[in-house]
Structures are given as structure tokens and as C-alpha cells.
């Protein structure tokens, strides 16, 4: 796999998208930045990372054979790949907080931003951006964040970790046609706070209790309310309130 190393860039996703428009790139080309000045999370939220201590990278994945109606399938494949790498490094109690935050116990250790270019309805090209807290230990202004070093007291190589994650994504990419049911089951097993009473706040600042039942194939969070009714929420329509 080709790795492009940058000292600083506004966004590895934006850089890789532009580069792929300008020239033909190999599948699984990686762009890694020492500093990302305008890193983004879901729906434009900002990703903050200490310079030189964490992993911020994007990878180009071509011809993902998933229909446009099931785009969230690709999200769960990528999230599971990251989770499995963390488990290989003996990170405990890892989970996926809907839609794409990577958690260790109740603290965020990473995040994923996927941007797809749709093609013929049955496949797409994807730029997968991943931010992972590796060696940063000061989270004074981010009480719900942690890092691999904070959890294990070990130092991690940025480029080796990127390669490890991309190899795991490629492995799952090769299994798409036969393993999606297995992937979905694993995703729900690893879904943060599933089946537990939890406080929520909606986009109008209304607070309520509910229990996460799962995630639908179009990426909506399925929540059972106190009256036993089921409601479905899109990204940014709801946030979890937890300690």
C-alpha cells in the first residue's frame, strides 16, 4: 500500500479526495498527517488532536461493493476493523458509540469520518478518515477522551498503527459479499450502551429516557421510549447523556 506522509494539512480527507481527482491512485492509498488543522467529525464537528502524538489519516477504498441503499454497512465494517486492532493491542471494554465514535469504556479514543463517491448504485469509492488518540495524555479540556497510551502506558508508532488498521479494513473489504450478517451481529454486540437505560437530549433540547435497541440498515438509531414506543433518530437529532 502507498503511504503519503504530510507534516501538516487542513484535512487528510479533503487532500485525498482532491488528489484522487487529479491522478489515478492505487486502492488503499493512505495519507497520514503529523498535524491536521481542520480535522472534522460527523456533520462538521471538529476533531482536536495534539500535534505529533496521535494518528490522523485517510485511506482511499475503491469499488466498495455495497448498494447505495445500504451505505451504513460500510460504516460498520470500518468501525469493526478499528475495534479489532484495538482489541489486538489489549485495549479493554472497546465499543462503537453510534454512529462512528470509538470508545474505551466510557471515554472516546477515536472517531471516523467516511465520505463516499457514489457510482452505479451498486458500488462506490470511499475516503475513510480516522482519528485515533495514540500517545497524547493531556485531556484536561476533554474529560470524556482518552488515548491508548493513557490506557496501557505504552507508546505507539503512528505509521505502523495506520497500516495495521488499513490491512484490517482491506481484510473485511474482501469479505463483504459473504459476511455482512456476521458484521452486523458483531456491531450490535459492540454498540455502546445498547439495552441499557440512558438519558438523551434531542435537537430541541428536550431530555428523555430511553433504551437503545440497535441501528437500522440506513443508519438510524433505534430507541425504545418510556412508553415502550420505538423511535428512530438520524445523526445529530439526538445525543446521549452519560458519565
Protein backbone atom coordinates (compact mmCIF):
# COMPACT_ATOMS: atom_id res chain seq x y z
CA UNK A 1 0.00 0.00 0.00
CA UNK A 2 1.17 3.52 -0.77
CA UNK A 3 1.60 5.88 2.19
CA UNK A 4 1.76 9.65 1.67
CA UNK A 5 3.24 11.39 4.71
CA UNK A 6 2.46 15.07 5.34
CA UNK A 7 3.80 17.36 8.05
CA UNK A 8 0.60 19.44 8.19
CA UNK A 9 -2.63 19.65 6.22
CA UNK A 10 -6.05 21.14 6.80
CA UNK A 11 -7.84 17.83 6.29
CA UNK A 12 -6.47 14.47 5.14
CA UNK A 13 -9.90 13.59 3.73
CA UNK A 14 -10.01 16.75 1.62
CA UNK A 15 -6.42 16.26 0.47
CA UNK A 16 -7.01 12.65 -0.56
CA UNK A 17 -10.26 13.47 -2.37
CA UNK A 18 -8.55 16.21 -4.37
CA UNK A 19 -5.53 14.02 -5.14
CA UNK A 20 -7.76 11.21 -6.39
CA UNK A 21 -9.42 13.66 -8.79
CA UNK A 22 -6.06 14.79 -10.14
CA UNK A 23 -4.35 11.42 -10.65
CA UNK A 24 -5.01 7.71 -10.57
CA UNK A 25 -4.23 6.30 -7.15
CA UNK A 26 -3.79 2.73 -6.04
CA UNK A 27 -6.53 1.19 -3.98
CA UNK A 28 -5.88 1.63 -0.24
CA UNK A 29 -3.63 4.66 -0.72
CA UNK A 30 -3.07 6.25 2.71
CA UNK A 31 -2.49 9.89 3.65
CA UNK A 32 -1.08 10.43 7.15
CA UNK A 33 -0.64 13.90 8.67
CA UNK A 34 1.54 14.89 11.59
CA UNK A 35 -0.86 17.79 12.12
CA UNK A 36 -4.41 18.22 10.84
CA UNK A 37 -5.55 21.80 11.25
CA UNK A 38 -9.18 21.39 10.23
CA UNK A 39 -10.00 17.82 11.12
CA UNK A 40 -13.70 17.08 11.01
CA UNK A 41 -16.01 14.60 12.63
CA UNK A 42 -19.58 13.74 11.74
CA UNK A 43 -21.72 16.62 10.42
CA UNK A 44 -18.85 19.12 10.63
CA UNK A 45 -17.93 18.69 14.29
CA UNK A 46 -14.25 19.44 14.98
CA UNK A 47 -11.64 16.81 15.69
CA UNK A 48 -8.92 18.14 18.03
CA UNK A 49 -5.56 16.40 18.19
CA UNK A 50 -2.23 17.25 19.81
CA UNK A 51 0.48 17.72 17.19
CA UNK A 52 2.65 14.67 16.51
CA UNK A 53 1.13 12.45 19.17
CA UNK A 54 -1.95 10.95 17.53
CA UNK A 55 -2.98 9.19 14.36
CA UNK A 56 -4.89 11.26 11.81
CA UNK A 57 -5.12 9.63 8.41
CA UNK A 58 -7.35 8.90 5.44
CA UNK A 59 -7.44 5.92 3.13
CA UNK A 60 -8.92 5.61 -0.35
CA UNK A 61 -11.00 2.46 -0.87
CA UNK A 62 -12.16 1.86 -4.42
CA UNK A 63 -15.17 -0.01 -5.71
CA UNK A 64 -16.86 -0.90 -2.44
CA UNK A 65 -19.50 -3.42 -3.48
CA UNK A 66 -22.40 -2.21 -1.36
CA UNK A 67 -25.63 -0.77 -2.77
CA UNK A 68 -26.42 2.88 -2.18
CA UNK A 69 -29.39 1.85 -0.03
CA UNK A 70 -27.07 0.13 2.44
CA UNK A 71 -24.29 2.69 2.80
CA UNK A 72 -24.19 2.28 6.57
CA UNK A 73 -22.93 -1.25 6.06
CA UNK A 74 -19.58 0.27 5.13
CA UNK A 75 -19.55 2.37 8.31
CA UNK A 76 -19.86 -0.71 10.48
CA UNK A 77 -17.15 -2.56 8.52
CA UNK A 78 -14.67 0.27 9.12
CA UNK A 79 -15.63 0.68 12.78
CA UNK A 80 -15.23 -3.04 13.43
CA UNK A 81 -11.80 -3.00 11.76
CA UNK A 82 -10.61 -0.27 14.13
CA UNK A 83 -12.12 -2.06 17.12
CA UNK A 84 -10.38 -5.32 16.27
CA UNK A 85 -7.00 -3.59 16.04
CA UNK A 86 -7.55 -2.03 19.47
CA UNK A 87 -8.53 -5.39 20.92
CA UNK A 88 -5.34 -6.88 19.43
CA UNK A 89 -3.45 -4.27 21.46
CA UNK A 90 -5.35 -5.39 24.56
CA UNK A 91 -7.45 -2.24 24.93
CA UNK A 92 -10.27 -3.20 27.28
CA UNK A 93 -14.03 -2.56 27.01
CA UNK A 94 -13.94 -1.13 23.49
CA UNK A 95 -17.22 -0.26 21.80
CA UNK A 96 -18.74 1.78 19.00
CA UNK A 97 -20.79 4.80 20.01
CA UNK A 98 -23.32 5.47 17.27
CA UNK A 99 -22.64 6.47 14.64
CA UNK A 100 -18.84 6.36 14.46
CA UNK A 101 -17.07 7.12 17.73
CA UNK A 102 -14.65 4.54 19.07
CA UNK A 103 -14.86 4.16 22.83
CA UNK A 104 -12.74 2.57 25.53
CA UNK A 105 -15.05 2.01 28.50
CA UNK A 106 -16.95 5.35 28.59
CA UNK A 107 -14.27 7.56 27.02
CA UNK A 108 -13.71 8.41 23.37
CA UNK A 109 -10.46 7.13 21.92
CA UNK A 110 -11.16 7.72 18.24
CA UNK A 111 -13.55 8.80 15.54
CA UNK A 112 -14.34 8.00 11.92
CA UNK A 113 -15.50 10.21 9.05
CA UNK A 114 -16.46 8.44 5.81
CA UNK A 115 -17.12 10.31 2.58
CA UNK A 116 -18.37 8.28 -0.39
CA UNK A 117 -18.49 8.97 -4.13
CA UNK A 118 -21.49 7.07 -5.48
CA UNK A 119 -21.15 5.35 -8.83
CA UNK A 120 -23.68 2.99 -10.39
CA UNK A 121 -25.98 2.27 -7.47
CA UNK A 122 -24.26 -0.98 -6.56
CA UNK A 123 -20.79 0.27 -5.61
CA UNK A 124 -18.89 3.41 -4.61
CA UNK A 125 -15.44 4.79 -3.90
CA UNK A 126 -14.79 5.82 -0.33
CA UNK A 127 -12.44 8.14 1.51
CA UNK A 128 -12.22 6.90 5.09
CA UNK A 129 -10.87 9.36 7.65
CA UNK A 130 -9.80 8.01 11.03
CA UNK A 131 -8.57 9.88 14.09
CA UNK A 132 -7.16 7.80 16.92
CA UNK A 133 -5.67 9.09 20.18
CA UNK A 134 -2.37 7.26 20.48
CA UNK A 135 0.27 8.98 22.61
CA UNK A 136 -1.49 12.11 23.89
CA UNK A 137 -2.06 12.00 27.64
CA UNK A 138 -3.29 15.50 28.45
CA UNK A 139 -7.06 15.71 28.05
CA UNK A 140 -7.67 18.48 30.57
CA UNK A 141 -10.32 20.16 28.40
CA UNK A 142 -11.72 16.86 27.11
CA UNK A 143 -12.89 14.90 30.15
CA UNK A 144 -14.61 12.25 28.01
CA UNK A 145 -11.49 11.49 25.93
CA UNK A 146 -8.61 9.08 26.44
CA UNK A 147 -5.75 7.52 24.47
CA UNK A 148 -4.07 4.18 24.01
CA UNK A 149 -1.04 5.37 25.99
CA UNK A 150 -3.26 6.57 28.84
CA UNK A 151 -4.78 3.10 28.97
CA UNK A 152 -1.66 0.95 28.56
CA UNK A 153 1.29 3.25 29.36
CA UNK A 154 2.87 2.19 26.04
CA UNK A 155 4.00 4.32 23.11
CA UNK A 156 2.55 3.59 19.66
CA UNK A 157 4.06 4.09 16.22
CA UNK A 158 1.77 6.27 14.12
CA UNK A 159 2.56 4.74 10.73
CA UNK A 160 2.56 1.14 11.92
CA UNK A 161 -0.85 1.66 13.52
CA UNK A 162 -2.23 3.21 10.33
CA UNK A 163 -1.00 0.27 8.26
CA UNK A 164 -2.44 -2.19 10.76
CA UNK A 165 -5.88 -0.59 10.61
CA UNK A 166 -5.88 -0.38 6.80
CA UNK A 167 -4.87 -4.05 6.49
CA UNK A 168 -7.82 -4.95 8.71
CA UNK A 169 -10.17 -2.78 6.62
CA UNK A 170 -8.88 -4.48 3.46
CA UNK A 171 -9.42 -7.89 5.02
CA UNK A 172 -13.06 -7.08 5.74
CA UNK A 173 -13.47 -5.43 2.33
CA UNK A 174 -12.63 -8.80 0.79
CA UNK A 175 -15.37 -10.46 2.89
CA UNK A 176 -18.23 -8.08 2.08
CA UNK A 177 -20.20 -10.48 -0.12
CA UNK A 178 -20.41 -13.25 2.49
CA UNK A 179 -20.02 -11.73 5.95
CA UNK A 180 -22.36 -8.73 6.32
CA UNK A 181 -24.74 -10.58 8.63
CA UNK A 182 -21.79 -11.54 10.84
CA UNK A 183 -20.56 -7.92 10.76
CA UNK A 184 -23.96 -6.56 11.77
CA UNK A 185 -24.24 -9.00 14.66
CA UNK A 186 -20.78 -8.04 15.86
CA UNK A 187 -21.59 -4.34 15.51
CA UNK A 188 -24.64 -4.69 17.72
CA UNK A 189 -22.65 -6.70 20.26
CA UNK A 190 -20.17 -3.81 20.41
CA UNK A 191 -22.71 -0.96 20.29
CA UNK A 192 -22.13 1.50 23.15
CA UNK A 193 -24.88 1.40 25.83
CA UNK A 194 -27.14 -0.98 23.90
CA UNK A 195 -30.01 -2.39 26.00
CA UNK A 196 -29.24 -0.05 28.91
CA UNK A 197 -31.48 2.77 30.25
CA UNK A 198 -29.93 6.05 29.16
CA UNK A 199 -30.71 9.75 29.19
CA UNK A 200 -30.96 11.52 25.83
CA UNK A 201 -31.35 15.06 24.55
CA UNK A 202 -32.93 15.86 21.20
CA UNK A 203 -32.20 18.74 18.82
CA UNK A 204 -34.78 20.91 20.64
CA UNK A 205 -33.05 20.37 24.00
CA UNK A 206 -35.78 18.07 25.28
CA UNK A 207 -34.46 15.43 27.65
CA UNK A 208 -35.91 11.95 27.99
CA UNK A 209 -35.04 8.39 28.94
CA UNK A 210 -34.77 5.54 26.52
CA UNK A 211 -33.07 2.24 25.71
CA UNK A 212 -31.01 1.74 22.56
CA UNK A 213 -32.39 -1.25 20.65
CA UNK A 214 -29.99 -1.14 17.72
CA UNK A 215 -29.19 0.61 14.46
CA UNK A 216 -31.13 0.25 11.22
CA UNK A 217 -29.57 -0.56 7.84
CA UNK A 218 -29.94 3.08 6.80
CA UNK A 219 -28.00 4.18 9.88
CA UNK A 220 -30.74 5.39 12.22
CA UNK A 221 -30.56 4.82 15.97
CA UNK A 222 -33.50 2.77 17.23
CA UNK A 223 -34.59 3.81 20.73
CA UNK A 224 -37.40 2.42 22.93
CA UNK A 225 -39.00 5.22 24.94
CA UNK A 226 -40.53 5.01 28.41
CA UNK A 227 -43.99 4.28 26.97
CA UNK A 228 -42.47 1.29 25.09
CA UNK A 229 -42.83 3.02 21.71
CA UNK A 230 -39.94 2.80 19.24
CA UNK A 231 -38.46 5.95 17.67
CA UNK A 232 -35.75 6.26 15.05
CA UNK A 233 -33.20 9.08 15.06
CA UNK A 234 -30.85 10.40 12.40
CA UNK A 235 -27.35 11.73 13.14
CA UNK A 236 -27.43 15.00 15.10
CA UNK A 237 -31.10 14.57 16.01
CA UNK A 238 -30.16 13.10 19.36
CA UNK A 239 -27.24 12.91 21.77
CA UNK A 240 -26.54 10.55 24.63
CA UNK A 241 -26.07 11.93 28.13
CA UNK A 242 -23.75 9.74 30.15
CA UNK A 243 -20.85 9.87 32.59
